Amino acid sequence: MPLQIEDLRTLAGILILSDEEGASADTPADLTFDFAKLGPPLETLMGRGGFKMLLQNALTLSQREMPWLLDVRCKNDGSFEGFEQVGEINREDFIKGQRHLLAHILRLLVRFIGPGMTRAIVLDSWSQVADHDVELGEDI
């Protein structure tokens, strides 16, 4: 059975929660996920331009589902700006939007480089995540 976006949203939620542990946040924007963790391995693999395009495509897909993400932009260095300016949004919706964005990044990675390499990058970037939580399917 092909990997479903809901499976990737579950994994994205695990990754986001693992980053959030121990963090204090007065506003939702204080909970901005560290998407830059993916930068070093993906820039090595696809260059800075390729990494930025991957993030931009994932952001565009996410904006269709979470319109508040229209205020977020992908910068030239592959980071995001605008999370701090989202206005009146509750914590759950803020995290849900980031979860959708990360799930689309993961889905594009699985399509472009395969589940095995995507899994290796995820486990390398989030060493605190258990091996069994990163189920991305089988390589062809």
N, C-alpha and C. Protein backbone atom coordinates (compact mmCIF):
# COMPACT_ATOMS: atom_id res chain seq x y z
N MET A 1 0.83 -1.18 0.00
CA MET A 1 0.00 0.00 0.00
C MET A 1 0.89 1.25 0.00
N PRO A 2 0.61 2.20 -0.89
CA PRO A 2 1.42 3.41 -0.95
C PRO A 2 1.32 4.23 0.33
N LEU A 3 2.35 4.96 0.60
CA LEU A 3 2.40 5.82 1.77
C LEU A 3 1.36 6.93 1.63
N GLN A 4 0.56 7.12 2.64
CA GLN A 4 -0.49 8.14 2.62
C GLN A 4 -0.04 9.41 3.33
N ILE A 5 -0.61 10.54 2.94
CA ILE A 5 -0.23 11.81 3.55
C ILE A 5 -0.54 11.81 5.04
N GLU A 6 -1.58 11.11 5.47
CA GLU A 6 -1.88 11.06 6.91
C GLU A 6 -0.77 10.36 7.69
N ASP A 7 -0.16 9.33 7.09
CA ASP A 7 0.98 8.67 7.73
C ASP A 7 2.13 9.65 7.91
N LEU A 8 2.35 10.48 6.90
CA LEU A 8 3.42 11.46 6.96
C LEU A 8 3.09 12.57 7.96
N ARG A 9 1.82 12.92 8.07
CA ARG A 9 1.43 13.91 9.08
C ARG A 9 1.66 13.38 10.48
N THR A 10 1.43 12.09 10.67
CA THR A 10 1.70 11.48 11.98
C THR A 10 3.19 11.56 12.29
N LEU A 11 4.02 11.18 11.33
CA LEU A 11 5.47 11.26 11.52
C LEU A 11 5.89 12.71 11.76
N ALA A 12 5.35 13.63 10.98
CA ALA A 12 5.68 15.05 11.16
C ALA A 12 5.31 15.50 12.57
N GLY A 13 4.17 15.05 13.08
CA GLY A 13 3.78 15.40 14.44
C GLY A 13 4.76 14.88 15.47
N ILE A 14 5.27 13.67 15.27
CA ILE A 14 6.27 13.10 16.17
C ILE A 14 7.55 13.94 16.14
N LEU A 15 7.98 14.33 14.96
CA LEU A 15 9.20 15.13 14.83
C LEU A 15 9.03 16.51 15.47
N ILE A 16 7.89 17.11 15.25
CA ILE A 16 7.62 18.43 15.83
C ILE A 16 7.56 18.35 17.35
N LEU A 17 6.88 17.34 17.87
CA LEU A 17 6.80 17.18 19.33
C LEU A 17 8.17 16.90 19.94
N SER A 18 9.01 16.16 19.21
CA SER A 18 10.34 15.87 19.74
C SER A 18 11.18 17.14 19.83
N ASP A 19 10.97 18.07 18.91
CA ASP A 19 11.68 19.35 18.96
C ASP A 19 11.11 20.26 20.03
N GLU A 20 9.83 20.11 20.30
CA GLU A 20 9.11 20.99 21.22
C GLU A 20 9.36 20.64 22.69
N GLU A 21 9.78 19.42 22.97
CA GLU A 21 9.98 18.98 24.35
C GLU A 21 10.91 19.93 25.09
N GLY A 22 10.44 20.39 26.22
CA GLY A 22 11.25 21.26 27.06
C GLY A 22 11.24 22.72 26.63
N ALA A 23 10.58 23.02 25.52
CA ALA A 23 10.54 24.40 25.06
C ALA A 23 9.43 25.15 25.76
N SER A 24 9.71 26.38 26.14
CA SER A 24 8.66 27.21 26.71
C SER A 24 8.18 28.16 25.62
N ALA A 25 6.88 28.39 25.59
CA ALA A 25 6.32 29.23 24.55
C ALA A 25 5.21 30.10 25.11
N ASP A 26 5.36 31.39 24.92
CA ASP A 26 4.31 32.32 25.33
C ASP A 26 3.30 32.52 24.21
N THR A 27 3.75 32.40 22.98
CA THR A 27 2.87 32.56 21.82
C THR A 27 3.11 31.39 20.87
N PRO A 28 2.15 31.09 19.99
CA PRO A 28 2.37 30.01 19.03
C PRO A 28 3.65 30.18 18.21
N ALA A 29 3.97 31.42 17.84
CA ALA A 29 5.17 31.65 17.01
C ALA A 29 6.45 31.21 17.73
N ASP A 30 6.41 31.16 19.07
CA ASP A 30 7.58 30.68 19.82
C ASP A 30 7.81 29.19 19.59
N LEU A 31 6.82 28.52 19.02
CA LEU A 31 6.92 27.08 18.77
C LEU A 31 7.35 26.76 17.34
N THR A 32 7.88 27.73 16.63
CA THR A 32 8.27 27.51 15.24
C THR A 32 9.26 26.35 15.15
N PHE A 33 8.90 25.39 14.35
CA PHE A 33 9.70 24.18 14.14
C PHE A 33 11.00 24.53 13.42
N ASP A 34 12.05 23.81 13.73
CA ASP A 34 13.36 24.06 13.14
C ASP A 34 13.51 23.28 11.83
N PHE A 35 12.95 23.84 10.76
CA PHE A 35 13.04 23.20 9.45
C PHE A 35 14.47 23.18 8.94
N ALA A 36 15.32 24.04 9.48
CA ALA A 36 16.72 24.13 9.03
C ALA A 36 17.50 22.85 9.30
N LYS A 37 17.00 21.99 10.18
CA LYS A 37 17.69 20.71 10.43
C LYS A 37 17.89 19.92 9.15
N LEU A 38 16.98 20.09 8.22
CA LEU A 38 17.06 19.35 6.97
C LEU A 38 18.06 19.98 5.99
N GLY A 39 18.46 21.21 6.25
CA GLY A 39 19.32 21.93 5.32
C GLY A 39 20.62 21.24 4.96
N PRO A 40 21.48 20.96 5.94
CA PRO A 40 22.79 20.39 5.59
C PRO A 40 22.74 19.11 4.73
N PRO A 41 21.97 18.10 5.12
CA PRO A 41 22.00 16.91 4.26
C PRO A 41 21.35 17.13 2.90
N LEU A 42 20.30 17.94 2.86
CA LEU A 42 19.62 18.14 1.59
C LEU A 42 20.36 19.09 0.67
N GLU A 43 21.05 20.08 1.23
CA GLU A 43 21.87 20.95 0.39
C GLU A 43 23.04 20.18 -0.20
N THR A 44 23.57 19.24 0.55
CA THR A 44 24.63 18.37 0.02
C THR A 44 24.10 17.53 -1.12
N LEU A 45 22.90 17.03 -0.96
CA LEU A 45 22.29 16.14 -1.93
C LEU A 45 21.81 16.87 -3.19
N MET A 46 21.15 18.02 -3.00
CA MET A 46 20.49 18.67 -4.14
C MET A 46 20.88 20.12 -4.35
N GLY A 47 21.83 20.61 -3.57
CA GLY A 47 22.23 22.01 -3.69
C GLY A 47 21.26 22.93 -2.98
N ARG A 48 21.69 24.15 -2.72
CA ARG A 48 20.85 25.11 -2.01
C ARG A 48 19.60 25.44 -2.81
N GLY A 49 19.75 25.59 -4.12
CA GLY A 49 18.59 25.90 -4.97
C GLY A 49 17.57 24.77 -4.98
N GLY A 50 18.05 23.54 -5.05
CA GLY A 50 17.14 22.40 -5.01
C GLY A 50 16.42 22.28 -3.68
N PHE A 51 17.15 22.54 -2.59
CA PHE A 51 16.56 22.51 -1.26
C PHE A 51 15.47 23.58 -1.14
N LYS A 52 15.77 24.79 -1.63
CA LYS A 52 14.79 25.87 -1.56
C LYS A 52 13.55 25.51 -2.39
N MET A 53 13.73 24.93 -3.56
CA MET A 53 12.59 24.56 -4.40
C MET A 53 11.74 23.49 -3.73
N LEU A 54 12.39 22.54 -3.07
CA LEU A 54 11.64 21.52 -2.33
C LEU A 54 10.78 22.17 -1.26
N LEU A 55 11.37 23.07 -0.47
CA LEU A 55 10.63 23.75 0.58
C LEU A 55 9.51 24.61 0.00
N GLN A 56 9.79 25.30 -1.09
CA GLN A 56 8.78 26.17 -1.71
C GLN A 56 7.60 25.34 -2.23
N ASN A 57 7.89 24.21 -2.85
CA ASN A 57 6.81 23.34 -3.33
C ASN A 57 5.97 22.81 -2.18
N ALA A 58 6.62 22.39 -1.11
CA ALA A 58 5.89 21.89 0.06
C ALA A 58 5.05 23.00 0.68
N LEU A 59 5.59 24.21 0.73
CA LEU A 59 4.84 25.34 1.28
C LEU A 59 3.61 25.62 0.43
N THR A 60 3.75 25.61 -0.88
CA THR A 60 2.62 25.86 -1.77
C THR A 60 1.52 24.81 -1.56
N LEU A 61 1.90 23.55 -1.46
CA LEU A 61 0.92 22.49 -1.20
C LEU A 61 0.23 22.70 0.15
N SER A 62 0.98 23.10 1.14
CA SER A 62 0.44 23.30 2.49
C SER A 62 -0.49 24.50 2.56
N GLN A 63 -0.20 25.53 1.78
CA GLN A 63 -1.02 26.74 1.81
C GLN A 63 -2.44 26.46 1.31
N ARG A 64 -2.60 25.48 0.46
CA ARG A 64 -3.94 25.11 -0.01
C ARG A 64 -4.79 24.53 1.12
N GLU A 65 -4.13 23.85 2.05
CA GLU A 65 -4.84 23.21 3.16
C GLU A 65 -4.95 24.12 4.39
N MET A 66 -3.96 24.96 4.58
CA MET A 66 -3.89 25.83 5.75
C MET A 66 -3.66 27.26 5.26
N PRO A 67 -4.74 28.00 4.94
CA PRO A 67 -4.59 29.32 4.33
C PRO A 67 -3.74 30.31 5.15
N TRP A 68 -3.66 30.14 6.46
CA TRP A 68 -2.84 31.07 7.24
C TRP A 68 -1.37 30.98 6.86
N LEU A 69 -0.96 29.90 6.22
CA LEU A 69 0.42 29.76 5.77
C LEU A 69 0.75 30.67 4.58
N LEU A 70 -0.27 31.35 4.03
CA LEU A 70 -0.01 32.29 2.94
C LEU A 70 0.89 33.43 3.39
N ASP A 71 0.96 33.68 4.70
CA ASP A 71 1.84 34.72 5.24
C ASP A 71 3.29 34.27 5.38
N VAL A 72 3.55 32.99 5.16
CA VAL A 72 4.89 32.43 5.32
C VAL A 72 5.58 32.41 3.96
N ARG A 73 6.85 32.72 3.96
CA ARG A 73 7.66 32.74 2.74
C ARG A 73 8.93 31.91 2.93
N CYS A 74 9.40 31.35 1.84
CA CYS A 74 10.66 30.61 1.85
C CYS A 74 11.75 31.57 1.39
N LYS A 75 12.76 31.75 2.23
CA LYS A 75 13.85 32.67 1.91
C LYS A 75 14.89 31.97 1.04
N ASN A 76 15.80 32.74 0.47
CA ASN A 76 16.82 32.19 -0.43
C ASN A 76 17.73 31.17 0.24
N ASP A 77 17.91 31.28 1.55
CA ASP A 77 18.78 30.33 2.24
C ASP A 77 18.06 29.04 2.64
N GLY A 78 16.78 28.93 2.26
CA GLY A 78 16.02 27.73 2.57
C GLY A 78 15.32 27.77 3.91
N SER A 79 15.35 28.90 4.57
CA SER A 79 14.61 29.03 5.83
C SER A 79 13.26 29.69 5.55
N PHE A 80 12.39 29.67 6.53
CA PHE A 80 11.07 30.27 6.38
C PHE A 80 11.00 31.55 7.20
N GLU A 81 10.25 32.50 6.70
CA GLU A 81 9.96 33.70 7.46
C GLU A 81 8.46 33.93 7.43
N GLY A 82 7.96 34.56 8.46
CA GLY A 82 6.55 34.87 8.51
C GLY A 82 5.78 34.11 9.57
N PHE A 83 6.39 33.08 10.14
CA PHE A 83 5.69 32.35 11.21
C PHE A 83 5.40 33.27 12.39
N GLU A 84 6.30 34.23 12.63
CA GLU A 84 6.14 35.12 13.78
C GLU A 84 5.07 36.17 13.54
N GLN A 85 4.56 36.28 12.31
CA GLN A 85 3.59 37.31 11.96
C GLN A 85 2.23 36.73 11.61
N VAL A 86 1.91 35.58 12.11
CA VAL A 86 0.67 34.92 11.71
C VAL A 86 -0.57 35.50 12.37
N GLY A 87 -0.40 36.35 13.34
CA GLY A 87 -1.54 37.01 13.96
C GLY A 87 -2.26 36.12 14.95
N GLU A 88 -3.56 36.24 14.94
CA GLU A 88 -4.40 35.54 15.91
C GLU A 88 -4.66 34.09 15.48
N ILE A 89 -3.78 33.22 15.89
CA ILE A 89 -3.96 31.80 15.60
C ILE A 89 -3.64 31.02 16.86
N ASN A 90 -4.45 30.01 17.14
CA ASN A 90 -4.21 29.27 18.37
C ASN A 90 -3.07 28.27 18.19
N ARG A 91 -2.59 27.79 19.30
CA ARG A 91 -1.43 26.89 19.34
C ARG A 91 -1.65 25.64 18.49
N GLU A 92 -2.83 25.04 18.59
CA GLU A 92 -3.11 23.79 17.87
C GLU A 92 -3.08 24.00 16.36
N ASP A 93 -3.69 25.09 15.89
CA ASP A 93 -3.68 25.36 14.45
C ASP A 93 -2.28 25.70 13.95
N PHE A 94 -1.51 26.38 14.79
CA PHE A 94 -0.13 26.72 14.43
C PHE A 94 0.69 25.45 14.24
N ILE A 95 0.59 24.55 15.19
CA ILE A 95 1.33 23.28 15.09
C ILE A 95 0.80 22.44 13.94
N LYS A 96 -0.50 22.44 13.74
CA LYS A 96 -1.10 21.69 12.62
C LYS A 96 -0.57 22.19 11.28
N GLY A 97 -0.44 23.50 11.12
CA GLY A 97 0.09 24.06 9.88
C GLY A 97 1.53 23.63 9.64
N GLN A 98 2.34 23.66 10.70
CA GLN A 98 3.73 23.21 10.56
C GLN A 98 3.78 21.71 10.27
N ARG A 99 2.87 20.96 10.88
CA ARG A 99 2.81 19.52 10.63
C ARG A 99 2.47 19.24 9.17
N HIS A 100 1.53 19.98 8.61
CA HIS A 100 1.18 19.82 7.19
C HIS A 100 2.37 20.15 6.32
N LEU A 101 3.08 21.23 6.64
CA LEU A 101 4.24 21.63 5.86
C LEU A 101 5.34 20.57 5.91
N LEU A 102 5.66 20.08 7.09
CA LEU A 102 6.69 19.05 7.21
C LEU A 102 6.26 17.75 6.52
N ALA A 103 4.98 17.40 6.59
CA ALA A 103 4.49 16.19 5.92
C ALA A 103 4.67 16.30 4.40
N HIS A 104 4.42 17.48 3.86
CA HIS A 104 4.62 17.67 2.41
C HIS A 104 6.10 17.63 2.05
N ILE A 105 6.95 18.17 2.90
CA ILE A 105 8.40 18.06 2.66
C ILE A 105 8.80 16.60 2.62
N LEU A 106 8.34 15.83 3.59
CA LEU A 106 8.67 14.40 3.65
C LEU A 106 8.12 13.65 2.44
N ARG A 107 6.89 13.98 2.03
CA ARG A 107 6.29 13.29 0.89
C ARG A 107 7.09 13.57 -0.39
N LEU A 108 7.49 14.82 -0.58
CA LEU A 108 8.30 15.15 -1.76
C LEU A 108 9.65 14.44 -1.71
N LEU A 109 10.25 14.38 -0.53
CA LEU A 109 11.52 13.67 -0.39
C LEU A 109 11.38 12.19 -0.73
N VAL A 110 10.33 11.56 -0.23
CA VAL A 110 10.11 10.14 -0.52
C VAL A 110 9.97 9.93 -2.03
N ARG A 111 9.27 10.85 -2.68
CA ARG A 111 9.10 10.72 -4.13
C ARG A 111 10.39 10.95 -4.90
N PHE A 112 11.21 11.90 -4.45
CA PHE A 112 12.40 12.27 -5.20
C PHE A 112 13.61 11.40 -4.89
N ILE A 113 13.82 11.06 -3.63
CA ILE A 113 15.03 10.31 -3.27
C ILE A 113 14.74 8.93 -2.69
N GLY A 114 13.46 8.61 -2.52
CA GLY A 114 13.09 7.29 -2.04
C GLY A 114 12.95 7.23 -0.52
N PRO A 115 12.23 6.23 -0.05
CA PRO A 115 11.98 6.12 1.39
C PRO A 115 13.24 5.81 2.21
N GLY A 116 14.15 5.03 1.66
CA GLY A 116 15.35 4.66 2.41
C GLY A 116 16.23 5.86 2.73
N MET A 117 16.49 6.69 1.73
CA MET A 117 17.32 7.87 1.95
C MET A 117 16.60 8.90 2.81
N THR A 118 15.30 9.05 2.60
CA THR A 118 14.52 9.99 3.40
C THR A 118 14.56 9.57 4.86
N ARG A 119 14.40 8.29 5.10
CA ARG A 119 14.44 7.75 6.46
C ARG A 119 15.80 8.02 7.11
N ALA A 120 16.87 7.81 6.36
CA ALA A 120 18.22 8.06 6.89
C ALA A 120 18.41 9.53 7.26
N ILE A 121 17.91 10.43 6.42
CA ILE A 121 18.02 11.86 6.69
C ILE A 121 17.22 12.23 7.93
N VAL A 122 16.01 11.69 8.05
CA VAL A 122 15.17 11.98 9.22
C VAL A 122 15.84 11.48 10.50
N LEU A 123 16.33 10.26 10.49
CA LEU A 123 16.97 9.71 11.69
C LEU A 123 18.26 10.44 12.03
N ASP A 124 18.98 10.91 11.02
CA ASP A 124 20.19 11.68 11.27
C ASP A 124 19.87 13.07 11.83
N SER A 125 18.82 13.68 11.33
CA SER A 125 18.44 15.03 11.75
C SER A 125 17.73 15.05 13.09
N TRP A 126 17.01 14.00 13.42
CA TRP A 126 16.28 13.90 14.69
C TRP A 126 16.70 12.62 15.40
N SER A 127 17.87 12.65 15.98
CA SER A 127 18.43 11.44 16.60
C SER A 127 17.60 10.95 17.78
N GLN A 128 16.79 11.83 18.38
CA GLN A 128 15.99 11.42 19.52
C GLN A 128 14.72 10.65 19.11
N VAL A 129 14.43 10.60 17.83
CA VAL A 129 13.25 9.89 17.35
C VAL A 129 13.58 8.41 17.21
N ALA A 130 12.69 7.57 17.68
CA ALA A 130 12.90 6.13 17.64
C ALA A 130 12.86 5.62 16.20
N ASP A 131 13.74 4.69 15.93
CA ASP A 131 13.86 4.08 14.61
C ASP A 131 12.51 3.57 14.10
N HIS A 132 11.73 2.94 14.97
CA HIS A 132 10.47 2.33 14.54
C HIS A 132 9.39 3.36 14.23
N ASP A 133 9.57 4.63 14.62
CA ASP A 133 8.59 5.67 14.33
C ASP A 133 8.69 6.17 12.90
N VAL A 134 9.79 5.87 12.23
CA VAL A 134 10.03 6.40 10.89
C VAL A 134 9.75 5.32 9.86
N GLU A 135 8.48 5.12 9.59
CA GLU A 135 8.04 4.12 8.61
C GLU A 135 7.65 4.86 7.33
N LEU A 136 8.46 4.72 6.30
CA LEU A 136 8.24 5.44 5.06
C LEU A 136 8.02 4.53 3.87
N GLY A 137 7.87 3.24 4.10
CA GLY A 137 7.68 2.32 3.01
C GLY A 137 8.99 1.69 2.57
N GLU A 138 8.91 0.96 1.51
CA GLU A 138 10.06 0.23 0.99
C GLU A 138 10.60 0.88 -0.27
N ASP A 139 11.91 0.79 -0.45
CA ASP A 139 12.51 1.24 -1.70
C ASP A 139 12.16 0.26 -2.80
N ILE A 140 12.07 0.76 -4.00
CA ILE A 140 11.72 -0.11 -5.15
C ILE A 140 12.97 -0.75 -5.67
